Amino acid sequence: MKLRNFLYLNTKVLEDYVAAIDGYIYDEESQEIATSSENTLGGKGTISVISGNGSHTGKRSEEIKRSVHISDAAKFEKVYKYLRSDDEGLKYFEFLTDADYSGLYRDDFLEVLVTARFSKMKELTDSVKKIAELATVLESFTDQQILDKKTNQGFSALGQMKSGKEIACVFEFEDGLHPLVAYLDESYFRCGQENFVGQAYLLCKIIRKVPKGQSIKLDEIFDDIKKIPLNRSQRRNMPKNMDNPAELRDVIKGPALVVLPIAVYQ
């Protein structure tokens, strides 16, 4: 059994899979542990013409009952073993050839060794937060205003744009080919997000393939506006180009995969 350090673990998906495997889900179970001990009693005695030493050994046993919590790691191990028990249940890759990519299908489970990076928009908003925090610290030491009110409002608005939304993340093989795109729920991180990026294992399920010639745009600023149903007149009044600025444009070109991230670990 591998011992893993989880950086991200989708416990909701794990519980759904465990329920499908076992037919039920539970968080605790009862255990009965049998213990035994031996006591030896010894002594001397003389009766009539019979004399000698004697001893008696007594055995005592008891059962201890306890309730134990089923950990998330144990649930993961159950799902992982279940997938590994089927030859086609889990496919492992450290890189993908074109032939490997062609042999992958929707709903396939993959374990891959990859390097994670957040989207450019995510990296920008994180940098903005750090700048704002640093400015606050400097202002407390110098008693001088570092950022004006308008700049602070802009930083705050930029941070709120991504607040509460799933985080777009790109997982890349060492050769940079066939990237995997996943959307992470902030509540399932098991480490600080600044410690998340880097090489690790990803267990995931394929949602869809992005063939060569197609692409995915990550964290489009006006993506929500584009989804609003508009009449012809409203569409004419909208800007023609609603893509991100070039500095924030993050386009993943196919062949690529969009996956459901189950766990990221080292």
C-alpha atoms as a PDB file:
ATOM      1  CA  MET A   1       0.000   0.000   0.000  1.00  0.00           C
ATOM      2  CA  LYS A   2       1.342   3.419  -0.947  1.00  0.00           C
ATOM      3  CA  LEU A   3       1.428   6.173   1.659  1.00  0.00           C
ATOM      4  CA  ARG A   4       0.356   9.442   0.075  1.00  0.00           C
ATOM      5  CA  ASN A   5       0.516  13.108   0.963  1.00  0.00           C
ATOM      6  CA  PHE A   6      -2.685  14.586  -0.443  1.00  0.00           C
ATOM      7  CA  LEU A   7      -2.585  18.097  -1.881  1.00  0.00           C
ATOM      8  CA  TYR A   8      -6.185  17.945  -3.131  1.00  0.00           C
ATOM      9  CA  LEU A   9      -8.920  15.420  -2.426  1.00  0.00           C
ATOM     10  CA  ASN A  10     -12.500  15.588  -3.697  1.00  0.00           C
ATOM     11  CA  THR A  11     -14.268  13.859  -0.810  1.00  0.00           C
ATOM     12  CA  LYS A  12     -17.721  14.250  -2.395  1.00  0.00           C
ATOM     13  CA  VAL A  13     -16.672  12.214  -5.421  1.00  0.00           C
ATOM     14  CA  LEU A  14     -14.941   9.660  -3.171  1.00  0.00           C
ATOM     15  CA  GLU A  15     -18.096   9.111  -1.117  1.00  0.00           C
ATOM     16  CA  ASP A  16     -20.172   8.693  -4.277  1.00  0.00           C
ATOM     17  CA  TYR A  17     -17.763   6.063  -5.599  1.00  0.00           C
ATOM     18  CA  VAL A  18     -17.540   4.193  -2.277  1.00  0.00           C
ATOM     19  CA  ALA A  19     -21.352   4.124  -2.108  1.00  0.00           C
ATOM     20  CA  ALA A  20     -21.450   2.677  -5.635  1.00  0.00           C
ATOM     21  CA  ILE A  21     -18.844   0.012  -4.760  1.00  0.00           C
ATOM     22  CA  ASP A  22     -20.271  -1.062  -1.373  1.00  0.00           C
ATOM     23  CA  GLY A  23     -23.898  -0.126  -1.875  1.00  0.00           C
ATOM     24  CA  TYR A  24     -23.801   2.218   1.123  1.00  0.00           C
ATOM     25  CA  ILE A  25     -21.637   4.849   2.774  1.00  0.00           C
ATOM     26  CA  TYR A  26     -20.582   5.160   6.406  1.00  0.00           C
ATOM     27  CA  ASP A  27     -18.135   7.274   8.386  1.00  0.00           C
ATOM     28  CA  GLU A  28     -17.651   5.038  11.421  1.00  0.00           C
ATOM     29  CA  GLU A  29     -17.482   1.330  12.141  1.00  0.00           C
ATOM     30  CA  SER A  30     -17.370  -0.768  15.314  1.00  0.00           C
ATOM     31  CA  GLN A  31     -14.470  -3.084  16.072  1.00  0.00           C
ATOM     32  CA  GLU A  32     -14.229  -5.895  18.630  1.00  0.00           C
ATOM     33  CA  ILE A  33     -10.749  -6.759  19.854  1.00  0.00           C
ATOM     34  CA  ALA A  34     -10.202  -9.945  21.866  1.00  0.00           C
ATOM     35  CA  THR A  35      -7.431  -9.903  24.475  1.00  0.00           C
ATOM     36  CA  SER A  36      -6.240 -12.626  26.847  1.00  0.00           C
ATOM     37  CA  SER A  37      -3.817 -12.897  29.775  1.00  0.00           C
ATOM     38  CA  GLU A  38      -2.396 -15.705  31.929  1.00  0.00           C
ATOM     39  CA  ASN A  39      -1.885 -15.718  35.712  1.00  0.00           C
ATOM     40  CA  THR A  40       0.229 -18.374  37.399  1.00  0.00           C
ATOM     41  CA  LEU A  41      -0.225 -19.224  41.105  1.00  0.00           C
ATOM     42  CA  GLY A  42       2.396 -21.338  42.894  1.00  0.00           C
ATOM     43  CA  GLY A  43       3.003 -22.761  46.436  1.00  0.00           C
ATOM     44  CA  LYS A  44       4.378 -25.531  48.643  1.00  0.00           C
ATOM     45  CA  GLY A  45       2.451 -28.002  50.751  1.00  0.00           C
ATOM     46  CA  THR A  46       2.777 -31.237  52.785  1.00  0.00           C
ATOM     47  CA  ILE A  47      -0.100 -33.610  53.368  1.00  0.00           C
ATOM     48  CA  SER A  48       0.658 -36.948  55.132  1.00  0.00           C
ATOM     49  CA  VAL A  49       3.290 -38.670  53.009  1.00  0.00           C
ATOM     50  CA  ILE A  50       2.741 -36.482  49.992  1.00  0.00           C
ATOM     51  CA  SER A  51       4.796 -33.330  49.621  1.00  0.00           C
ATOM     52  CA  GLY A  52       5.891 -31.110  46.721  1.00  0.00           C
ATOM     53  CA  ASN A  53       5.416 -27.901  44.752  1.00  0.00           C
ATOM     54  CA  GLY A  54       2.275 -27.052  42.828  1.00  0.00           C
ATOM     55  CA  SER A  55       1.180 -24.343  40.429  1.00  0.00           C
ATOM     56  CA  HIS A  56      -2.045 -23.320  38.718  1.00  0.00           C
ATOM     57  CA  THR A  57      -2.372 -21.279  35.556  1.00  0.00           C
ATOM     58  CA  GLY A  58      -5.549 -19.252  35.014  1.00  0.00           C
ATOM     59  CA  LYS A  59      -6.599 -17.619  31.748  1.00  0.00           C
ATOM     60  CA  ARG A  60      -8.690 -14.485  31.449  1.00  0.00           C
ATOM     61  CA  SER A  61     -10.074 -13.069  28.225  1.00  0.00           C
ATOM     62  CA  GLU A  62     -12.090  -9.997  27.393  1.00  0.00           C
ATOM     63  CA  GLU A  63     -13.401  -8.161  24.379  1.00  0.00           C
ATOM     64  CA  ILE A  64     -12.927  -4.450  23.782  1.00  0.00           C
ATOM     65  CA  LYS A  65     -15.395  -2.638  21.568  1.00  0.00           C
ATOM     66  CA  ARG A  66     -14.520   0.651  19.924  1.00  0.00           C
ATOM     67  CA  SER A  67     -15.843   2.935  17.204  1.00  0.00           C
ATOM     68  CA  VAL A  68     -13.335   4.061  14.594  1.00  0.00           C
ATOM     69  CA  HIS A  69     -13.602   6.848  12.017  1.00  0.00           C
ATOM     70  CA  ILE A  70     -13.213   5.881   8.359  1.00  0.00           C
ATOM     71  CA  SER A  71     -10.630   8.351   7.073  1.00  0.00           C
ATOM     72  CA  ASP A  72     -10.696  10.024   3.669  1.00  0.00           C
ATOM     73  CA  ALA A  73      -7.392   8.309   2.891  1.00  0.00           C
ATOM     74  CA  ALA A  74      -8.995   4.907   3.571  1.00  0.00           C
ATOM     75  CA  LYS A  75     -11.900   5.752   1.263  1.00  0.00           C
ATOM     76  CA  PHE A  76      -9.435   6.780  -1.428  1.00  0.00           C
ATOM     77  CA  GLU A  77      -7.531   3.515  -1.013  1.00  0.00           C
ATOM     78  CA  LYS A  78     -10.753   1.526  -1.460  1.00  0.00           C
ATOM     79  CA  VAL A  79     -11.580   3.349  -4.698  1.00  0.00           C
ATOM     80  CA  TYR A  80      -7.974   3.105  -5.920  1.00  0.00           C
ATOM     81  CA  LYS A  81      -7.800  -0.653  -5.292  1.00  0.00           C
ATOM     82  CA  TYR A  82     -11.157  -1.123  -6.984  1.00  0.00           C
ATOM     83  CA  LEU A  83      -9.918   0.669 -10.109  1.00  0.00           C
ATOM     84  CA  ARG A  84      -6.620  -1.248 -10.084  1.00  0.00           C
ATOM     85  CA  SER A  85      -8.426  -4.595  -9.786  1.00  0.00           C
ATOM     86  CA  ASP A  86      -9.683  -4.180 -13.359  1.00  0.00           C
ATOM     87  CA  ASP A  87      -7.019  -4.268 -16.083  1.00  0.00           C
ATOM     88  CA  GLU A  88      -8.799  -1.458 -17.933  1.00  0.00           C
ATOM     89  CA  GLY A  89     -10.039   0.318 -14.809  1.00  0.00           C
ATOM     90  CA  LEU A  90      -7.066   2.633 -14.273  1.00  0.00           C
ATOM     91  CA  LYS A  91      -4.467   3.711 -16.815  1.00  0.00           C
ATOM     92  CA  TYR A  92      -1.109   5.141 -15.717  1.00  0.00           C
ATOM     93  CA  PHE A  93       0.936   7.568 -17.820  1.00  0.00           C
ATOM     94  CA  GLU A  94       4.009   9.739 -17.401  1.00  0.00           C
ATOM     95  CA  PHE A  95       3.529  11.032 -20.949  1.00  0.00           C
ATOM     96  CA  LEU A  96       1.068  10.442 -23.761  1.00  0.00           C
ATOM     97  CA  THR A  97       1.859   9.467 -27.313  1.00  0.00           C
ATOM     98  CA  ASP A  98      -0.599  10.220 -30.106  1.00  0.00           C
ATOM     99  CA  ALA A  99      -1.529   6.526 -30.095  1.00  0.00           C
ATOM    100  CA  ASP A 100      -2.149   6.628 -26.317  1.00  0.00           C
ATOM    101  CA  TYR A 101      -4.325   9.715 -26.736  1.00  0.00           C
ATOM    102  CA  SER A 102      -6.349   8.067 -29.498  1.00  0.00           C
ATOM    103  CA  GLY A 103      -7.016   5.110 -27.200  1.00  0.00           C
ATOM    104  CA  LEU A 104      -8.544   7.242 -24.452  1.00  0.00           C
ATOM    105  CA  TYR A 105     -12.289   7.710 -24.091  1.00  0.00           C
ATOM    106  CA  ARG A 106     -14.800   9.639 -22.040  1.00  0.00           C
ATOM    107  CA  ASP A 107     -15.171   8.222 -18.476  1.00  0.00           C
ATOM    108  CA  ASP A 108     -11.724   6.582 -18.521  1.00  0.00           C
ATOM    109  CA  PHE A 109      -9.841   6.843 -15.210  1.00  0.00           C
ATOM    110  CA  LEU A 110      -6.231   8.025 -15.343  1.00  0.00           C
ATOM    111  CA  GLU A 111      -3.332   8.264 -12.923  1.00  0.00           C
ATOM    112  CA  VAL A 112      -0.711  10.600 -14.361  1.00  0.00           C
ATOM    113  CA  LEU A 113       2.564  12.165 -13.226  1.00  0.00           C
ATOM    114  CA  VAL A 114       2.240  15.827 -14.138  1.00  0.00           C
ATOM    115  CA  THR A 115       3.197  19.372 -13.174  1.00  0.00           C
ATOM    116  CA  ALA A 116       0.378  21.718 -12.185  1.00  0.00           C
ATOM    117  CA  ARG A 117       0.004  25.416 -12.907  1.00  0.00           C
ATOM    118  CA  PHE A 118      -2.900  27.757 -12.287  1.00  0.00           C
ATOM    119  CA  SER A 119      -4.438  29.894 -15.022  1.00  0.00           C
ATOM    120  CA  LYS A 120      -2.880  33.273 -15.837  1.00  0.00           C
ATOM    121  CA  MET A 121      -5.929  35.029 -14.378  1.00  0.00           C
ATOM    122  CA  LYS A 122      -5.549  33.100 -11.114  1.00  0.00           C
ATOM    123  CA  GLU A 123      -1.857  33.975 -10.948  1.00  0.00           C
ATOM    124  CA  LEU A 124      -2.704  37.642 -11.538  1.00  0.00           C
ATOM    125  CA  THR A 125      -5.351  37.793  -8.806  1.00  0.00           C
ATOM    126  CA  ASP A 126      -2.970  36.086  -6.366  1.00  0.00           C
ATOM    127  CA  SER A 127      -0.257  38.624  -7.197  1.00  0.00           C
ATOM    128  CA  VAL A 128      -2.714  41.489  -6.725  1.00  0.00           C
ATOM    129  CA  LYS A 129      -3.658  40.197  -3.267  1.00  0.00           C
ATOM    130  CA  LYS A 130       0.009  39.976  -2.268  1.00  0.00           C
ATOM    131  CA  ILE A 131       0.676  43.521  -3.500  1.00  0.00           C
ATOM    132  CA  ALA A 132      -2.323  44.847  -1.561  1.00  0.00           C
ATOM    133  CA  GLU A 133      -1.208  43.024   1.602  1.00  0.00           C
ATOM    134  CA  LEU A 134       2.363  44.300   1.213  1.00  0.00           C
ATOM    135  CA  ALA A 135       1.097  47.853   0.682  1.00  0.00           C
ATOM    136  CA  THR A 136      -0.950  47.625   3.882  1.00  0.00           C
ATOM    137  CA  VAL A 137       2.120  46.522   5.853  1.00  0.00           C
ATOM    138  CA  LEU A 138       4.290  49.312   4.392  1.00  0.00           C
ATOM    139  CA  GLU A 139       1.627  51.911   5.115  1.00  0.00           C
ATOM    140  CA  SER A 140       1.565  50.857   8.779  1.00  0.00           C
ATOM    141  CA  PHE A 141       5.345  51.381   9.035  1.00  0.00           C
ATOM    142  CA  THR A 142       5.705  54.564   7.008  1.00  0.00           C
ATOM    143  CA  ASP A 143       2.363  56.285   7.746  1.00  0.00           C
ATOM    144  CA  GLN A 144       2.200  57.039   4.026  1.00  0.00           C
ATOM    145  CA  GLN A 145      -0.461  55.947   1.568  1.00  0.00           C
ATOM    146  CA  ILE A 146       1.020  53.474  -0.924  1.00  0.00           C
ATOM    147  CA  LEU A 147      -2.100  52.748  -2.977  1.00  0.00           C
ATOM    148  CA  ASP A 148      -4.754  55.348  -3.679  1.00  0.00           C
ATOM    149  CA  LYS A 149      -8.460  54.658  -3.185  1.00  0.00           C
ATOM    150  CA  LYS A 150      -9.131  54.009  -6.884  1.00  0.00           C
ATOM    151  CA  THR A 151      -6.314  51.446  -7.105  1.00  0.00           C
ATOM    152  CA  ASN A 152      -7.553  49.678  -3.986  1.00  0.00           C
ATOM    153  CA  GLN A 153     -11.054  49.481  -5.441  1.00  0.00           C
ATOM    154  CA  GLY A 154      -9.656  48.017  -8.659  1.00  0.00           C
ATOM    155  CA  PHE A 155      -7.657  45.395  -6.751  1.00  0.00           C
ATOM    156  CA  SER A 156     -10.707  44.490  -4.675  1.00  0.00           C
ATOM    157  CA  ALA A 157     -12.933  44.168  -7.754  1.00  0.00           C
ATOM    158  CA  LEU A 158     -10.378  41.936  -9.486  1.00  0.00           C
ATOM    159  CA  GLY A 159     -10.192  39.647  -6.454  1.00  0.00           C
ATOM    160  CA  GLN A 160     -13.980  39.392  -6.216  1.00  0.00           C
ATOM    161  CA  MET A 161     -14.245  38.318  -9.851  1.00  0.00           C
ATOM    162  CA  LYS A 162     -12.724  34.913  -9.026  1.00  0.00           C
ATOM    163  CA  SER A 163     -13.961  34.600  -5.453  1.00  0.00           C
ATOM    164  CA  GLY A 164     -16.055  31.486  -4.865  1.00  0.00           C
ATOM    165  CA  LYS A 165     -15.515  30.142  -8.383  1.00  0.00           C
ATOM    166  CA  GLU A 166     -13.739  26.968  -9.395  1.00  0.00           C
ATOM    167  CA  ILE A 167     -10.033  27.381 -10.075  1.00  0.00           C
ATOM    168  CA  ALA A 168      -8.838  26.546 -13.563  1.00  0.00           C
ATOM    169  CA  CYS A 169      -5.669  24.463 -13.454  1.00  0.00           C
ATOM    170  CA  VAL A 170      -3.508  22.990 -16.204  1.00  0.00           C
ATOM    171  CA  PHE A 171      -1.632  19.727 -15.594  1.00  0.00           C
ATOM    172  CA  GLU A 172       1.230  19.185 -18.021  1.00  0.00           C
ATOM    173  CA  PHE A 173       3.457  16.231 -18.796  1.00  0.00           C
ATOM    174  CA  GLU A 174       7.203  16.760 -18.864  1.00  0.00           C
ATOM    175  CA  ASP A 175       7.195  16.958 -22.675  1.00  0.00           C
ATOM    176  CA  GLY A 176       4.499  19.672 -22.659  1.00  0.00           C
ATOM    177  CA  LEU A 177       2.181  17.692 -24.928  1.00  0.00           C
ATOM    178  CA  HIS A 178      -1.428  16.578 -24.355  1.00  0.00           C
ATOM    179  CA  PRO A 179      -2.196  18.834 -21.341  1.00  0.00           C
ATOM    180  CA  LEU A 180      -5.038  18.099 -18.933  1.00  0.00           C
ATOM    181  CA  VAL A 181      -7.405  20.882 -17.864  1.00  0.00           C
ATOM    182  CA  ALA A 182      -9.252  20.603 -14.545  1.00  0.00           C
ATOM    183  CA  TYR A 183     -11.420  22.890 -12.433  1.00  0.00           C
ATOM    184  CA  LEU A 184     -10.626  22.675  -8.723  1.00  0.00           C
ATOM    185  CA  ASP A 185     -12.966  23.350  -5.818  1.00  0.00           C
ATOM    186  CA  GLU A 186     -11.200  25.510  -3.218  1.00  0.00           C
ATOM    187  CA  SER A 187     -12.797  23.587  -0.331  1.00  0.00           C
ATOM    188  CA  TYR A 188     -10.962  20.371  -1.276  1.00  0.00           C
ATOM    189  CA  PHE A 189      -7.390  21.686  -1.072  1.00  0.00           C
ATOM    190  CA  ARG A 190      -5.270  19.911   1.559  1.00  0.00           C
ATOM    191  CA  CYS A 191      -2.418  22.432   1.381  1.00  0.00           C
ATOM    192  CA  GLY A 192      -1.867  26.119   0.831  1.00  0.00           C
ATOM    193  CA  GLN A 193      -2.472  26.958  -2.810  1.00  0.00           C
ATOM    194  CA  GLU A 194       1.021  28.454  -3.033  1.00  0.00           C
ATOM    195  CA  ASN A 195       2.352  24.944  -2.258  1.00  0.00           C
ATOM    196  CA  PHE A 196       0.105  23.184  -4.736  1.00  0.00           C
ATOM    197  CA  VAL A 197       1.896  23.885  -7.999  1.00  0.00           C
ATOM    198  CA  GLY A 198       4.681  21.494  -8.962  1.00  0.00           C
ATOM    199  CA  GLN A 199       5.051  17.850  -9.939  1.00  0.00           C
ATOM    200  CA  ALA A 200       2.604  15.383  -8.409  1.00  0.00           C
ATOM    201  CA  TYR A 201       0.302  12.488  -9.250  1.00  0.00           C
ATOM    202  CA  LEU A 202      -3.219  13.235 -10.466  1.00  0.00           C
ATOM    203  CA  LEU A 203      -6.068  10.733 -10.296  1.00  0.00           C
ATOM    204  CA  CYS A 204      -8.844  11.874 -12.588  1.00  0.00           C
ATOM    205  CA  LYS A 205     -11.717  10.906 -14.864  1.00  0.00           C
ATOM    206  CA  ILE A 206     -11.943  12.078 -18.466  1.00  0.00           C
ATOM    207  CA  ILE A 207     -14.873  14.408 -19.116  1.00  0.00           C
ATOM    208  CA  ARG A 208     -14.104  15.151 -22.746  1.00  0.00           C
ATOM    209  CA  LYS A 209     -11.319  15.228 -25.288  1.00  0.00           C
ATOM    210  CA  VAL A 210     -10.189  18.396 -27.064  1.00  0.00           C
ATOM    211  CA  PRO A 211      -8.989  17.260 -30.478  1.00  0.00           C
ATOM    212  CA  LYS A 212      -6.250  18.856 -32.528  1.00  0.00           C
ATOM    213  CA  GLY A 213      -7.469  22.073 -34.132  1.00  0.00           C
ATOM    214  CA  GLN A 214      -9.714  22.979 -31.180  1.00  0.00           C
ATOM    215  CA  SER A 215      -8.836  24.846 -27.982  1.00  0.00           C
ATOM    216  CA  ILE A 216     -10.048  25.903 -24.530  1.00  0.00           C
ATOM    217  CA  LYS A 217      -9.970  29.463 -23.222  1.00  0.00           C
ATOM    218  CA  LEU A 218      -9.383  29.661 -19.480  1.00  0.00           C
ATOM    219  CA  ASP A 219     -10.925  32.247 -17.153  1.00  0.00           C
ATOM    220  CA  GLU A 220     -12.432  34.548 -19.728  1.00  0.00           C
ATOM    221  CA  ILE A 221     -13.310  37.829 -17.979  1.00  0.00           C
ATOM    222  CA  PHE A 222     -16.498  38.317 -19.987  1.00  0.00           C
ATOM    223  CA  ASP A 223     -17.472  34.662 -20.102  1.00  0.00           C
ATOM    224  CA  ASP A 224     -20.554  35.180 -17.893  1.00  0.00           C
ATOM    225  CA  ILE A 225     -21.702  38.089 -20.054  1.00  0.00           C
ATOM    226  CA  LYS A 226     -21.350  35.991 -23.201  1.00  0.00           C
ATOM    227  CA  LYS A 227     -23.769  33.449 -21.744  1.00  0.00           C
ATOM    228  CA  ILE A 228     -26.548  36.002 -21.180  1.00  0.00           C
ATOM    229  CA  PRO A 229     -29.284  35.607 -23.825  1.00  0.00           C
ATOM    230  CA  LEU A 230     -29.429  38.840 -25.849  1.00  0.00           C
ATOM    231  CA  ASN A 231     -31.653  40.032 -28.638  1.00  0.00           C
ATOM    232  CA  ARG A 232     -30.253  41.218 -31.965  1.00  0.00           C
ATOM    233  CA  SER A 233     -30.177  44.881 -30.942  1.00  0.00           C
ATOM    234  CA  GLN A 234     -28.331  44.130 -27.699  1.00  0.00           C
ATOM    235  CA  ARG A 235     -25.802  41.980 -29.504  1.00  0.00           C
ATOM    236  CA  ARG A 236     -25.067  44.809 -31.944  1.00  0.00           C
ATOM    237  CA  ASN A 237     -24.278  47.131 -29.028  1.00  0.00           C
ATOM    238  CA  MET A 238     -21.849  44.706 -27.432  1.00  0.00           C
ATOM    239  CA  PRO A 239     -18.108  45.036 -28.161  1.00  0.00           C
ATOM    240  CA  LYS A 240     -17.003  42.829 -31.030  1.00  0.00           C
ATOM    241  CA  ASN A 241     -13.948  41.529 -29.199  1.00  0.00           C
ATOM    242  CA  MET A 242     -14.724  40.296 -25.691  1.00  0.00           C
ATOM    243  CA  ASP A 243     -11.645  38.117 -25.284  1.00  0.00           C
ATOM    244  CA  ASN A 244      -9.145  38.637 -22.489  1.00  0.00           C
ATOM    245  CA  PRO A 245      -6.295  41.093 -23.056  1.00  0.00           C
ATOM    246  CA  ALA A 246      -3.252  39.474 -24.642  1.00  0.00           C
ATOM    247  CA  GLU A 247      -1.379  39.467 -21.315  1.00  0.00           C
ATOM    248  CA  LEU A 248      -4.162  37.429 -19.672  1.00  0.00           C
ATOM    249  CA  ARG A 249      -5.102  35.257 -22.614  1.00  0.00           C
ATOM    250  CA  ASP A 250      -4.707  31.611 -21.623  1.00  0.00           C
ATOM    251  CA  VAL A 251      -5.531  29.236 -24.455  1.00  0.00           C
ATOM    252  CA  ILE A 252      -4.947  25.477 -24.240  1.00  0.00           C
ATOM    253  CA  LYS A 253      -4.691  23.956 -27.683  1.00  0.00           C
ATOM    254  CA  GLY A 254      -5.678  20.417 -28.512  1.00  0.00           C
ATOM    255  CA  PRO A 255      -4.981  17.593 -28.438  1.00  0.00           C
ATOM    256  CA  ALA A 256      -5.857  17.947 -24.750  1.00  0.00           C
ATOM    257  CA  LEU A 257      -8.155  16.508 -22.095  1.00  0.00           C
ATOM    258  CA  VAL A 258     -10.732  18.054 -19.779  1.00  0.00           C
ATOM    259  CA  VAL A 259     -10.856  15.944 -16.628  1.00  0.00           C
ATOM    260  CA  LEU A 260     -12.631  15.632 -13.297  1.00  0.00           C
ATOM    261  CA  PRO A 261      -9.909  15.883 -10.627  1.00  0.00           C
ATOM    262  CA  ILE A 262     -10.364  13.310  -7.860  1.00  0.00           C
ATOM    263  CA  ALA A 263      -7.044  13.598  -6.044  1.00  0.00           C
ATOM    264  CA  VAL A 264      -3.629  15.200  -6.342  1.00  0.00           C
ATOM    265  CA  TYR A 265      -0.879  13.667  -4.207  1.00  0.00           C
ATOM    266  CA  GLN A 266       2.825  13.053  -3.798  1.00  0.00           C
END
